[in-house]
Protein backbone atom coordinates (compact mmCIF):
# COMPACT_ATOMS: atom_id res chain seq x y z
CA MET A 1 -0.06 -0.12 -0.02
CA GLY A 2 1.63 3.19 -1.14
CA ARG A 3 2.10 6.13 1.23
CA ARG A 4 -0.58 8.53 1.40
CA MET A 5 0.02 12.19 0.46
CA THR A 6 0.45 14.62 3.25
CA LEU A 7 -1.76 17.40 3.97
CA ALA A 8 0.50 20.09 2.93
CA GLY A 9 1.04 18.03 -0.31
CA GLN A 10 -2.75 17.55 -0.98
CA LEU A 11 -3.08 21.40 -0.58
CA LEU A 12 -0.18 22.12 -2.67
CA ALA A 13 -1.46 19.71 -5.40
CA LEU A 14 -5.07 21.27 -5.35
CA GLN A 15 -3.68 24.77 -5.38
CA LEU A 16 -1.59 24.21 -8.50
CA LEU A 17 -4.28 22.61 -10.19
CA VAL A 18 -6.43 25.73 -9.31
CA VAL A 19 -3.77 28.10 -10.61
CA LEU A 20 -3.08 25.99 -13.84
CA LEU A 21 -7.35 25.91 -14.74
CA VAL A 22 -7.28 29.58 -13.76
CA VAL A 23 -4.44 30.41 -16.08
CA ALA A 24 -6.07 28.28 -18.89
CA VAL A 25 -9.32 29.70 -18.51
CA VAL A 26 -7.88 33.25 -18.38
CA GLY A 27 -5.76 32.55 -21.17
CA GLY A 28 -8.76 31.23 -23.14
CA LEU A 29 -10.82 34.27 -22.54
CA SER A 30 -7.97 36.43 -23.51
CA PHE A 31 -7.47 34.85 -26.91
CA SER A 32 -11.09 34.93 -27.52
CA GLN A 33 -11.24 38.66 -26.62
CA THR A 34 -8.30 39.15 -28.57
CA GLY A 35 -9.98 37.67 -31.74
CA ARG A 36 -13.04 39.76 -31.31
CA GLN A 37 -10.76 42.81 -31.15
CA VAL A 38 -8.91 41.81 -34.32
CA GLU A 39 -12.38 41.25 -35.88
CA ARG A 40 -13.60 44.66 -34.91
CA THR A 41 -10.06 46.26 -36.17
CA GLU A 42 -10.50 44.47 -39.45
CA SER A 43 -14.02 45.25 -39.94
CA ARG A 44 -13.18 48.99 -39.77
CA ARG A 45 -10.45 48.95 -42.09
CA ALA A 46 -12.38 47.12 -44.71
CA LEU A 47 -15.38 49.71 -44.09
CA SER A 48 -12.78 52.59 -44.68
CA ALA A 49 -11.51 50.90 -47.80
CA ALA A 50 -15.01 50.28 -49.33
CA GLU A 51 -15.81 53.89 -48.55
CA ASN A 52 -12.99 54.97 -50.60
CA LEU A 53 -13.83 52.81 -53.41
CA ALA A 54 -17.47 53.89 -53.29
CA GLY A 55 -16.63 57.69 -53.26
CA ASN A 56 -14.16 57.35 -56.29
CA ALA A 57 -15.08 59.43 -58.95
CA THR A 58 -14.06 57.04 -61.85
CA VAL A 59 -16.11 54.26 -60.07
CA ARG A 60 -19.49 56.71 -59.81
CA GLY A 61 -18.80 57.56 -63.61
CA LEU A 62 -18.24 54.08 -65.07
CA LEU A 63 -20.31 52.03 -62.99
CA PRO A 64 -23.80 52.82 -64.09
CA SER A 65 -22.93 51.60 -67.77
CA ALA A 66 -20.28 48.69 -67.01
CA LEU A 67 -20.68 45.44 -68.11
CA PRO A 68 -19.21 42.38 -66.23
CA GLY A 69 -15.76 42.07 -66.75
CA GLY A 70 -15.54 44.91 -69.50
CA SER A 71 -14.07 47.75 -67.92
CA ALA A 72 -10.34 47.88 -67.43
CA ALA A 73 -10.49 51.16 -65.46
CA LEU A 74 -12.79 49.76 -62.81
CA ALA A 75 -10.55 46.90 -62.46
CA ALA A 76 -7.32 49.29 -62.17
CA VAL A 77 -9.08 51.44 -59.45
CA GLY A 78 -10.33 48.27 -57.65
CA GLU A 79 -6.75 46.60 -57.42
CA THR A 80 -5.34 50.00 -56.41
CA VAL A 81 -7.74 50.25 -53.52
CA ARG A 82 -6.96 46.66 -52.63
CA THR A 83 -3.33 46.99 -52.55
CA VAL A 84 -3.29 50.19 -50.65
CA SER A 85 -5.64 49.00 -47.98
CA GLY A 86 -3.95 45.62 -47.64
CA SER A 87 -7.38 43.97 -48.18
CA THR A 88 -7.77 40.53 -49.48
CA SER A 89 -10.45 41.13 -52.06
CA VAL A 90 -12.42 44.17 -53.70
CA THR A 91 -15.51 43.73 -55.47
CA LEU A 92 -17.70 46.01 -57.50
CA LEU A 93 -21.31 44.75 -57.73
CA GLY A 94 -24.31 46.17 -59.88
CA PRO A 95 -27.69 47.11 -58.36
CA ASP A 96 -28.79 43.72 -58.69
CA ARG A 97 -25.70 42.42 -56.81
CA THR A 98 -24.10 41.24 -60.38
CA VAL A 99 -20.37 40.94 -59.82
CA LEU A 100 -19.02 43.56 -62.57
CA GLU A 101 -15.30 43.81 -61.59
CA SER A 102 -13.33 41.57 -58.85
CA SER A 103 -9.93 41.00 -57.78
CA ARG A 104 -11.26 37.22 -57.89
CA PRO A 105 -11.87 36.92 -61.82
CA ASP A 106 -14.22 33.61 -60.97
CA ASP A 107 -16.65 35.73 -59.55
CA VAL A 108 -16.98 38.25 -62.32
CA GLY A 109 -20.63 37.87 -63.98
CA THR A 110 -22.24 35.83 -60.91
CA VAL A 111 -24.80 37.25 -58.34
CA LEU A 112 -23.28 37.69 -55.04
CA PRO A 113 -26.12 36.79 -52.30
CA HIS A 114 -26.56 38.81 -49.05
CA ASP A 115 -24.36 37.22 -46.59
CA ALA A 116 -24.52 39.99 -43.92
CA PRO A 117 -27.12 39.22 -41.04
CA GLY A 118 -29.64 42.20 -40.44
CA ARG A 119 -28.13 44.23 -43.62
CA VAL A 120 -30.59 46.93 -44.59
CA GLU A 121 -30.78 47.68 -48.51
CA GLY A 122 -28.86 50.73 -49.30
CA ARG A 123 -27.08 51.19 -46.13
CA SER A 124 -23.35 50.63 -45.52
CA TRP A 125 -22.29 47.58 -42.93
CA SER A 126 -19.30 45.70 -42.17
CA GLY A 127 -18.85 42.31 -40.09
CA PRO A 128 -17.87 38.79 -40.24
CA VAL A 129 -18.63 36.36 -43.33
CA ALA A 130 -20.68 33.50 -42.80
CA GLY A 131 -18.81 30.46 -42.85
CA ARG A 132 -15.35 31.95 -43.16
CA SER A 133 -12.63 33.27 -41.30
CA ALA A 134 -13.05 36.81 -43.00
CA VAL A 135 -14.62 40.09 -42.58
CA ALA A 136 -16.29 42.14 -45.43
CA ALA A 137 -17.66 45.75 -45.88
CA GLU A 138 -20.21 47.13 -48.37
CA VAL A 139 -20.79 50.65 -49.03
CA PRO A 140 -23.52 51.72 -51.54
CA VAL A 141 -22.50 53.91 -54.63
CA LEU A 142 -24.99 56.53 -55.31
CA ALA A 143 -25.39 58.78 -58.41
CA ASP A 144 -25.18 62.54 -57.98
CA ASP A 145 -28.91 62.29 -57.86
CA GLY A 146 -28.69 59.94 -54.93
CA ARG A 147 -29.96 57.03 -56.98
CA LEU A 148 -28.34 53.65 -56.21
CA ILE A 149 -25.95 52.55 -59.07
CA GLY A 150 -23.99 49.55 -57.33
CA THR A 151 -22.13 48.62 -54.25
CA ALA A 152 -18.31 48.36 -53.24
CA ARG A 153 -17.38 45.48 -51.50
CA VAL A 154 -13.89 45.00 -49.52
CA GLY A 155 -13.01 41.75 -47.94
CA ARG A 156 -10.25 40.85 -45.53
CA ASP A 157 -9.22 37.52 -44.35
CA LEU A 158 -8.70 37.07 -40.52
CA PRO A 159 -5.63 35.35 -39.31
CA SER A 160 -6.23 31.55 -38.35
CA VAL A 161 -6.00 30.36 -34.91
CA GLY A 162 -2.47 28.80 -35.53
CA GLU A 163 -1.53 32.12 -36.92
CA ARG A 164 -2.76 34.25 -33.79
CA LEU A 165 -1.22 31.67 -31.25
CA ALA A 166 2.06 31.73 -33.14
CA LEU A 167 1.71 35.84 -32.86
CA ALA A 168 0.69 35.96 -29.35
CA GLY A 169 2.64 32.90 -28.24
CA PRO A 170 5.89 34.67 -26.72
CA ASP A 171 3.73 36.86 -24.88
CA LEU A 172 1.17 34.42 -23.83
CA LEU A 173 3.97 32.04 -22.70
CA ALA A 174 5.41 34.80 -20.67
CA TYR A 175 2.40 35.52 -18.99
CA VAL A 176 1.07 32.17 -18.24
CA GLY A 177 4.95 31.30 -16.91
CA LEU A 178 4.76 34.46 -14.46
CA ALA A 179 1.29 33.40 -13.44
CA THR A 180 2.12 29.82 -12.86
CA THR A 181 5.47 30.69 -11.01
CA ILE A 182 3.67 33.13 -8.68
CA GLY A 183 0.79 30.46 -8.22
CA VAL A 184 3.61 27.76 -7.35
CA ILE A 185 5.43 29.96 -5.13
CA GLY A 186 2.26 31.10 -3.17
CA SER A 187 0.99 27.83 -3.13
CA THR A 188 4.13 26.51 -1.69
CA MET A 189 4.36 29.07 0.99
CA LEU A 190 0.86 28.75 2.03
CA SER A 191 1.42 24.93 2.33
CA ARG A 192 4.18 25.44 4.43
CA ARG A 193 2.32 28.01 6.70
CA ILE A 194 -0.39 25.36 7.04
CA LYS A 195 2.05 22.93 7.98
CA ARG A 196 3.51 24.89 10.59
CA GLN A 197 0.23 26.11 12.16
CA THR A 198 -1.15 22.50 12.36
CA LEU A 199 2.44 21.64 13.89
CA GLY A 200 3.02 19.03 11.00
CA LEU A 201 -0.03 16.94 11.91
CA GLU A 202 -2.18 15.34 9.26
CA PRO A 203 -6.14 15.67 9.37
CA THR A 204 -6.45 12.12 10.87
CA GLU A 205 -3.92 12.94 13.70
CA ILE A 206 -5.87 16.36 14.37
CA ALA A 207 -9.03 14.56 14.27
CA GLY A 208 -7.59 11.96 16.86
CA LEU A 209 -6.34 14.85 18.95
CA VAL A 210 -9.69 16.60 18.98
CA GLU A 211 -11.45 13.51 19.99
CA HIS A 212 -8.91 12.84 22.76
CA ARG A 213 -9.34 16.26 24.06
CA GLU A 214 -12.99 15.95 24.06
CA ALA A 215 -13.05 12.89 25.87
CA LEU A 216 -10.30 13.97 28.47
CA LEU A 217 -12.21 17.55 29.19
CA HIS A 218 -15.43 15.53 29.59
CA GLY A 219 -13.87 12.69 31.70
CA ILE A 220 -12.21 14.45 34.43
CA LYS A 221 -14.07 15.25 37.62
CA GLU A 222 -12.99 18.98 37.71
CA GLY A 223 -14.83 21.39 35.76
CA VAL A 224 -13.10 23.50 33.19
CA LEU A 225 -14.74 26.59 31.54
CA ALA A 226 -13.00 28.75 28.93
CA LEU A 227 -14.00 32.22 27.81
CA ASP A 228 -12.92 34.36 24.81
CA GLN A 229 -11.97 37.69 25.06
CA ALA A 230 -15.49 38.97 24.47
CA GLY A 231 -16.78 36.88 27.60
CA ARG A 232 -18.61 33.92 25.43
CA VAL A 233 -18.13 30.41 26.45
CA THR A 234 -15.77 28.52 24.23
CA LEU A 235 -15.42 25.46 26.34
CA LEU A 236 -17.19 23.62 28.80
CA ASN A 237 -17.10 20.29 30.21
CA ASP A 238 -19.90 18.08 31.77
CA SER A 239 -18.93 18.47 35.39
CA ALA A 240 -18.41 22.74 34.78
CA ARG A 241 -21.85 22.57 33.57
CA GLN A 242 -23.41 20.65 36.49
CA LEU A 243 -21.44 22.54 39.13
CA LEU A 244 -22.38 25.99 37.55
CA ALA A 245 -25.94 24.68 36.64
CA LEU A 246 -25.58 26.20 33.14
CA PRO A 247 -27.79 24.83 30.12
CA ALA A 248 -26.51 22.17 27.54
CA ASP A 249 -26.33 25.03 24.69
CA ALA A 250 -23.98 27.32 26.80
CA VAL A 251 -21.16 27.06 24.36
CA GLY A 252 -21.02 30.11 22.28
CA ARG A 253 -23.07 32.31 24.37
CA PRO A 254 -22.11 35.15 26.52
CA LEU A 255 -21.58 34.73 30.31
CA ASP A 256 -24.01 37.42 30.96
CA GLU A 257 -26.82 35.34 29.74
CA LEU A 258 -26.04 32.32 31.49
CA THR A 259 -25.83 33.31 35.17
CA GLY A 260 -27.09 36.39 37.10
CA ASP A 261 -24.62 35.83 40.06
CA PRO A 262 -22.32 39.00 40.09
CA GLU A 263 -19.86 37.47 42.33
CA LEU A 264 -19.55 34.31 39.99
CA ARG A 265 -19.21 36.68 36.87
CA GLU A 266 -16.63 38.51 38.54
CA ALA A 267 -14.75 35.50 39.36
CA LEU A 268 -14.75 34.02 35.84
CA THR A 269 -13.83 37.56 34.07
CA GLN A 270 -11.47 39.27 36.42
CA ASP A 271 -8.17 40.46 34.67
CA VAL A 272 -5.80 38.94 37.04
CA ALA A 273 -5.06 35.08 37.91
CA ALA A 274 -7.04 34.08 41.13
CA PRO A 275 -5.85 30.85 42.70
CA ASP A 276 -8.32 28.91 45.03
CA ARG A 277 -11.24 31.23 45.15
CA LEU A 278 -14.08 29.98 47.26
CA ILE A 279 -17.54 30.88 45.53
CA LEU A 280 -20.95 29.84 46.81
CA VAL A 281 -22.89 28.58 43.84
CA GLY A 282 -26.51 27.52 44.67
CA PRO A 283 -25.90 25.15 47.62
CA ARG A 284 -22.45 23.85 46.38
CA LEU A 285 -19.05 25.47 47.58
CA LEU A 286 -16.61 25.72 44.55
CA VAL A 287 -12.93 26.40 44.59
CA LEU A 288 -12.10 28.31 41.33
CA ASN A 289 -8.55 28.83 39.80
CA ARG A 290 -8.59 31.28 37.03
CA MET A 291 -5.72 31.68 34.41
CA PRO A 292 -5.71 34.34 31.57
CA VAL A 293 -4.83 33.03 28.22
CA ARG A 294 -2.26 34.95 26.34
CA SER A 295 -0.68 34.57 22.72
CA HIS A 296 2.37 36.76 21.83
CA GLY A 297 1.16 39.36 24.46
CA ALA A 298 -2.33 39.49 23.53
CA LEU A 299 -5.02 38.30 25.76
CA LEU A 300 -7.11 35.66 24.06
CA GLY A 301 -9.40 34.92 27.10
CA SER A 302 -9.35 32.75 30.39
CA VAL A 303 -9.44 29.24 31.30
CA THR A 304 -11.13 28.38 34.79
CA THR A 305 -10.95 25.13 36.56
CA MET A 306 -13.38 24.27 39.64
CA ARG A 307 -13.78 21.62 42.27
CA ASP A 308 -16.56 21.10 44.40
CA ARG A 309 -15.47 21.58 48.09
CA THR A 310 -18.76 21.31 49.68
CA GLU A 311 -17.94 18.16 51.66
CA VAL A 312 -14.35 18.93 52.19
CA GLN A 313 -15.46 22.37 53.49
CA ALA A 314 -17.57 20.66 55.90
CA MET A 315 -14.75 18.61 57.30
CA GLU A 316 -12.56 21.66 57.45
CA ARG A 317 -15.10 23.28 59.57
CA ALA A 318 -15.29 20.45 61.77
CA LEU A 319 -11.66 20.34 61.96
CA ASP A 320 -11.53 24.22 62.68
CA THR A 321 -13.92 23.56 65.47
CA SER A 322 -11.71 21.31 66.99
CA ARG A 323 -8.78 23.74 66.53
CA ARG A 324 -10.64 26.43 68.39
CA ALA A 325 -11.52 24.24 71.11
CA THR A 326 -8.07 23.22 71.60
CA GLY A 327 -6.95 26.94 71.54
CA THR A 328 -9.38 27.87 74.11
CA LEU A 329 -8.46 24.83 76.20
CA ARG A 330 -4.87 25.99 76.21
CA ALA A 331 -5.82 29.61 77.13
CA GLN A 332 -7.84 28.19 80.13
CA THR A 333 -5.04 26.00 81.13
CA HIS A 334 -2.76 28.95 81.25
CA GLU A 335 -5.21 31.01 83.11
CA PHE A 336 -6.03 28.23 85.83
CA SER A 337 -1.91 27.59 85.96
CA ASN A 338 -1.69 31.30 86.97
CA GLN A 339 -4.48 31.18 89.41
CA LEU A 340 -2.81 27.83 90.84
CA HIS A 341 0.56 29.51 91.46
CA THR A 342 -1.18 32.54 93.14
CA ILE A 343 -3.21 30.22 95.42
CA TRP A 344 0.06 28.24 96.21
CA GLY A 345 2.24 31.45 96.74
CA LEU A 346 -0.32 32.95 99.16
CA LEU A 347 -0.29 29.51 100.98
CA GLN A 348 3.43 29.58 101.20
CA LEU A 349 3.31 33.06 102.78
CA GLY A 350 0.81 31.90 105.31
CA GLU A 351 -1.87 34.26 104.02
CA TYR A 352 -4.53 31.54 104.51
CA GLY A 353 -7.29 34.22 104.44
CA GLU A 354 -6.38 35.96 101.30
CA ALA A 355 -6.07 32.62 99.62
CA VAL A 356 -9.56 31.69 100.63
CA ARG A 357 -10.84 34.91 99.36
CA PHE A 358 -8.81 34.56 96.12
CA VAL A 359 -10.43 31.21 95.39
CA GLU A 360 -13.82 32.71 96.46
CA GLY A 361 -13.33 35.38 93.92
CA VAL A 362 -12.14 33.06 91.23
CA SER A 363 -15.28 30.71 91.84
CA HIS A 364 -17.89 33.43 91.97
CA HIS A 365 -16.50 35.01 88.52
CA ARG A 366 -16.69 31.52 86.83
CA GLU A 367 -20.09 30.89 88.36
CA SER A 368 -21.11 34.27 87.14
CA LEU A 369 -19.92 33.73 83.77
CA TYR A 370 -21.22 30.25 83.48
CA ALA A 371 -24.85 31.32 84.65
CA GLN A 372 -24.76 34.19 82.44
CA VAL A 373 -24.26 32.28 79.52
CA THR A 374 -26.03 29.03 80.19
CA GLU A 375 -29.10 31.20 81.15
CA ARG A 376 -29.31 32.84 77.71
CA VAL A 377 -27.80 30.17 75.55
CA SER A 378 -29.23 26.86 75.76
CA ASP A 379 -27.13 25.34 73.14
CA PRO A 380 -24.17 23.70 74.67
CA PRO A 381 -21.40 23.82 71.74
CA ILE A 382 -22.40 27.49 71.58
CA ALA A 383 -22.29 28.44 75.12
CA ALA A 384 -19.02 26.37 75.61
CA LEU A 385 -17.69 28.40 72.79
CA LEU A 386 -18.46 31.86 74.37
CA ILE A 387 -16.98 30.75 77.69
CA ALA A 388 -13.99 29.26 76.09
CA LYS A 389 -13.63 32.81 74.17
CA ASP A 390 -13.93 34.63 77.32
CA SER A 391 -10.78 32.99 78.64
CA LEU A 392 -9.09 33.83 75.43
CA ALA A 393 -10.12 37.19 75.49
CA ALA A 394 -8.70 37.44 79.00
CA GLU A 395 -5.35 36.17 78.01
CA ARG A 396 -5.17 38.92 75.49
CA GLY A 397 -6.21 41.63 78.03
CA ALA A 398 -9.47 42.18 76.35
CA LYS A 399 -13.21 42.02 77.81
CA LEU A 400 -15.90 39.83 76.26
CA GLN A 401 -19.36 40.24 77.05
CA LEU A 402 -22.70 38.64 76.02
CA ALA A 403 -25.32 41.24 75.32
CA ALA A 404 -28.25 41.45 77.85
CA GLY A 405 -30.98 40.74 75.10
CA SER A 406 -29.36 37.68 73.92
CA ARG A 407 -31.50 34.53 73.85
CA VAL A 408 -30.86 31.04 71.81
CA ASP A 409 -32.54 27.84 72.49
CA ARG A 410 -31.09 24.42 71.73
CA VAL A 411 -30.94 24.29 67.70
CA ASP A 412 -30.41 21.23 65.64
CA GLU A 413 -26.71 20.00 65.00
CA PRO A 414 -26.17 21.19 61.63
CA LEU A 415 -27.29 24.68 62.73
CA SER A 416 -25.27 24.68 65.88
CA ARG A 417 -21.99 23.66 64.09
CA ASP A 418 -22.75 26.76 61.73
CA LEU A 419 -23.24 29.09 64.41
CA VAL A 420 -20.01 27.86 66.02
CA THR A 421 -18.10 28.66 62.74
CA VAL A 422 -19.86 32.17 62.50
CA VAL A 423 -19.51 32.99 66.21
CA GLY A 424 -15.93 32.06 66.53
CA ASN A 425 -14.53 33.60 63.34
CA LEU A 426 -16.34 36.82 64.35
CA VAL A 427 -15.13 36.88 67.62
CA ASP A 428 -11.52 36.02 66.81
CA ASN A 429 -11.57 38.77 64.16
CA ALA A 430 -12.93 41.23 66.66
CA LEU A 431 -10.29 40.31 69.45
CA ASP A 432 -7.67 40.86 66.48
CA ALA A 433 -9.17 44.26 65.88
CA VAL A 434 -9.09 45.54 69.21
CA ALA A 435 -5.45 44.24 70.23
CA GLY A 436 -3.50 47.45 71.28
CA THR A 437 -6.17 49.63 71.94
CA ALA A 438 -7.06 51.64 75.00
CA GLU A 439 -10.06 49.80 76.27
CA PRO A 440 -10.47 46.49 74.36
CA ARG A 441 -13.84 45.24 74.43
CA VAL A 442 -16.09 42.76 72.47
CA GLU A 443 -19.66 42.46 72.70
CA VAL A 444 -21.56 39.42 71.47
CA SER A 445 -25.47 39.22 70.70
CA LEU A 446 -27.41 36.30 69.97
CA VAL A 447 -30.88 36.60 69.01
CA GLU A 448 -33.35 33.80 67.77
CA ASP A 449 -36.79 34.24 66.30
CA GLU A 450 -39.05 31.93 64.57
CA GLU A 451 -37.15 31.83 61.13
CA ALA A 452 -33.43 32.47 61.95
CA VAL A 453 -30.67 33.16 64.51
CA THR A 454 -28.97 36.86 64.28
CA VAL A 455 -25.43 37.04 65.44
CA ARG A 456 -24.18 40.55 66.26
CA VAL A 457 -20.53 41.30 67.18
CA HIS A 458 -19.51 44.58 68.24
CA ASP A 459 -16.05 45.47 68.98
CA SER A 460 -14.16 48.64 70.07
CA GLY A 461 -11.50 48.62 67.61
CA PRO A 462 -10.82 51.11 64.99
CA GLY A 463 -13.72 50.10 62.68
CA VAL A 464 -13.72 48.97 59.07
CA ASP A 465 -12.52 50.88 55.96
CA ASP A 466 -15.70 52.03 54.02
CA ALA A 467 -13.76 51.75 50.85
CA ALA A 468 -12.87 48.13 51.30
CA SER A 469 -16.13 47.24 52.73
CA ASP A 470 -16.88 45.33 49.70
CA GLN A 471 -13.68 43.28 49.97
CA LEU A 472 -14.13 42.25 53.49
CA PHE A 473 -15.78 39.17 52.65
CA ARG A 474 -13.77 38.03 50.04
CA SER A 475 -11.68 34.82 49.91
CA GLY A 476 -7.88 35.81 50.80
CA TYR A 477 -8.57 39.51 51.50
CA SER A 478 -6.97 40.72 54.67
CA THR A 479 -5.93 43.98 56.14
CA LYS A 480 -3.21 42.10 58.20
CA GLU A 481 -0.28 40.37 57.13
CA SER A 482 -0.18 36.54 57.47
CA GLN A 483 2.45 34.80 59.69
CA ASP A 484 1.70 31.33 58.86
CA ALA A 485 1.36 28.99 55.72
CA GLY A 486 -2.26 29.08 55.78
CA GLY A 487 -2.66 32.83 55.29
CA ARG A 488 -5.21 35.03 56.06
CA GLY A 489 -8.44 36.26 54.62
CA TYR A 490 -10.54 33.07 54.89
CA GLY A 491 -12.34 33.48 58.10
CA LEU A 492 -14.75 36.50 56.93
CA ALA A 493 -15.41 34.73 53.67
CA LEU A 494 -16.08 31.45 55.48
CA VAL A 495 -18.62 33.21 57.61
CA ARG A 496 -20.52 34.74 54.52
CA LEU A 497 -20.24 31.38 52.78
CA VAL A 498 -21.79 29.78 55.66
CA CYS A 499 -24.46 32.48 56.27
CA ARG A 500 -25.57 32.37 52.57
CA ARG A 501 -25.68 28.39 52.53
CA ARG A 502 -28.34 28.87 55.26
CA GLY A 503 -30.04 31.29 53.28
CA GLY A 504 -28.81 34.29 55.15
CA ASP A 505 -25.84 36.90 54.75
CA VAL A 506 -23.41 38.81 56.69
CA THR A 507 -22.82 42.65 56.57
CA ALA A 508 -20.42 44.86 58.21
CA HIS A 509 -20.70 48.65 59.31
CA ASN A 510 -19.04 51.23 61.93
CA ASP A 511 -20.48 52.34 65.27
CA ASP A 512 -17.82 53.32 67.73
CA GLY A 513 -15.98 50.18 66.27
CA ALA A 514 -16.71 47.54 63.69
CA VAL A 515 -20.33 45.97 63.86
CA PHE A 516 -20.69 42.52 62.14
CA THR A 517 -24.36 41.31 61.64
CA ALA A 518 -24.85 37.75 60.69
CA ARG A 519 -28.11 36.03 59.92
CA LEU A 520 -28.56 32.21 59.62
CA LEU A 521 -32.05 30.66 58.79
CA LYS A 522 -33.00 27.75 60.57
CA THR A 523 -34.13 25.67 57.63
CA GLN A 524 -30.89 24.38 55.50
CA VAL A 525 -31.29 25.71 52.02
CA GLU A 526 -28.99 23.02 50.32
CA ALA A 527 -31.65 20.27 51.73
CA GLN A 528 -34.27 22.13 49.44
CA ALA A 529 -31.89 22.55 46.43
């Protein structure tokens, strides 16, 4: 089995065939047009010679009485016109079209039929002769009184096809050769360019790569979405379509038509690369990684990969709760250790009365705190978190207090976990904000109604920057520098994600410090989705 011609070779052969066909057609049209031009030129020359012959005084004087072949003077005038004009034949006809004199002796005495289509009697005409490669022109010969006394006819042979080819051959060959050379060079350059652009791949290989890419994109679990510079979807695999809840005909449509979520549109179309950005899409928590696509410095669009982190985030939240519990236990251990050292010192000094009063004071403070929290917060995890955060605040030299109007009954386990996440992050954020202030203070308010639980955390810090209020809840955004590998900027983003998953939201404003208000519905939205 012979080797198949490559794509570049096929294109080159096809282009050369097209060039040769075009050259042949153009050459034929040019040759035909040249023939018609020669015919018109020879017709004008024949008509001019016929007009000279018809206006000759000798012809006008002798023609009325001339007999066929009987006038040497008429024959001489005709031969002179033929020789001077370079015509093939010259003929003088009588009124009845009898040949009186002719440069062809065999025609003398015969009757010449009309061979001009559309000829009008008594009018001049010129044109091709039927059945011959020749042209002729006839001009009526008129007497002084306007009477028709005969006709002057001049004929001219046209060059044959071979003669015209011989005459036009050098120029035609030059033009054909030049056009063919240009066509061959252009076709060769085009085939090489196509070969470079296709990386030397053949059509079957390109088709195989496309099929492999489609199978790969639709087979991976991660979602992949590509946008062009105008914001239209150019690529969308099955996972991305399911994660973003996009229609099946999303490819080719603008992103603005496919989703009304402004945060999702901003995450998919922002100018800079955004690694590991958390976005809540319906009931799902997605992690987006967007990379702009550039070629030779020009922006072509972007490619965004996405993963469903809903289950992973739930485990991370549970782990974060354990980490917070460990931190608060450490703070309490540190506090109790200091208190034990104080009691031990008083006993060593023999100050037994002071030791008793110190123990009673500590016990009263703890009992008062426990009573205050448990009286207003019936949910054990939330109450334990607030008590632990009080120890953490005391360690940092801050005061944490529960607002007098707070009231939360025991809630279901999912809502309890979400409230622990929200309260823990907001209180930690507030303690960071009041660090270094004159009177560090954090107030927590928990209010439950029939539909939702509202968490309000008010600190005495410098407040939030109004210009950056829209960025506070964005993943990775922080006004503090990170000192650990995990970085900062995810606590408030997590709070907003949890609130929105519960059908609520979180806001921030200033009122003698920062005030964060989070609302969580009791009914799980994801269970309804």
